[in-house]
Amino acid sequence: MSFALCERVRIRGKNITGEIIDVYRGENDGVTYYTVESDEPEDAQGEWPLYDCTEEQIEKI
């Protein structure tokens, strides 16, 4: 399964939902990574955490 930019996903095992904001291939391992921006801010400053995930770590919602 592949994912696209702006797609809504859930990070498995963390129950974090968010949106894919970047897709890139790792330079050293050749694995495709998806950068997911969380739906929930991390702190009072409104910083939304980013998570770099492999295809196996996320699922469509």
Protein backbone atom coordinates (compact mmCIF):
# COMPACT_ATOMS: atom_id res chain seq x y z
CA MET A 1 0.00 0.00 0.00
CA SER A 2 1.28 3.46 -0.72
CA PHE A 3 0.29 6.78 0.77
CA ALA A 4 0.01 10.27 -0.71
CA LEU A 5 0.69 13.81 0.48
CA CYS A 6 -2.14 15.30 2.56
CA GLU A 7 -3.55 11.86 3.32
CA ARG A 8 -4.95 11.34 6.83
CA VAL A 9 -3.32 8.48 8.72
CA ARG A 10 -2.97 6.90 12.16
CA ILE A 11 0.43 5.91 13.52
CA ARG A 12 0.07 2.32 14.68
CA GLY A 13 1.00 1.60 18.27
CA LYS A 14 0.89 5.28 19.24
CA ASN A 15 -2.76 6.00 18.32
CA ILE A 16 -1.65 9.36 16.92
CA THR A 17 -3.56 10.75 13.96
CA GLY A 18 -2.28 13.30 11.50
CA GLU A 19 -1.59 14.25 7.91
CA ILE A 20 1.27 13.24 5.64
CA ILE A 21 3.21 16.40 4.81
CA ASP A 22 6.30 14.90 3.13
CA VAL A 23 7.43 11.68 1.45
CA TYR A 24 11.10 10.86 0.96
CA ARG A 25 13.46 7.95 0.40
CA GLY A 26 16.19 7.33 2.97
CA GLU A 27 19.66 7.96 1.55
CA ASN A 28 21.34 5.09 3.38
CA ASP A 29 18.60 2.45 3.45
CA GLY A 30 16.43 3.25 0.41
CA VAL A 31 13.26 2.96 2.52
CA THR A 32 10.34 5.30 1.81
CA TYR A 33 9.49 7.49 4.80
CA TYR A 34 6.34 9.51 5.42
CA THR A 35 6.49 12.61 7.61
CA VAL A 36 3.26 12.83 9.60
CA GLU A 37 2.20 16.05 11.31
CA SER A 38 0.14 15.31 14.42
CA ASP A 39 -3.42 16.62 14.76
CA GLU A 40 -2.72 17.67 18.35
CA PRO A 41 -0.26 20.38 19.39
CA GLU A 42 2.55 19.16 21.62
CA ASP A 43 2.68 22.18 23.93
CA ALA A 44 1.13 25.55 24.78
CA GLN A 45 3.09 27.24 21.95
CA GLY A 46 1.05 25.25 19.44
CA GLU A 47 3.96 23.22 18.05
CA TRP A 48 2.63 20.23 16.12
CA PRO A 49 5.01 17.27 16.41
CA LEU A 50 6.36 15.57 13.29
CA TYR A 51 6.92 11.83 13.01
CA ASP A 52 8.96 10.04 10.33
CA CYS A 53 7.26 6.71 9.69
CA THR A 54 7.65 3.77 7.35
CA GLU A 55 4.70 2.40 5.41
CA GLU A 56 4.29 -0.41 7.95
CA GLN A 57 3.93 2.07 10.83
CA ILE A 58 0.90 3.95 9.46
CA GLU A 59 -2.64 3.18 8.32
CA LYS A 60 -5.27 5.15 6.43
CA ILE A 61 -8.20 6.57 8.37
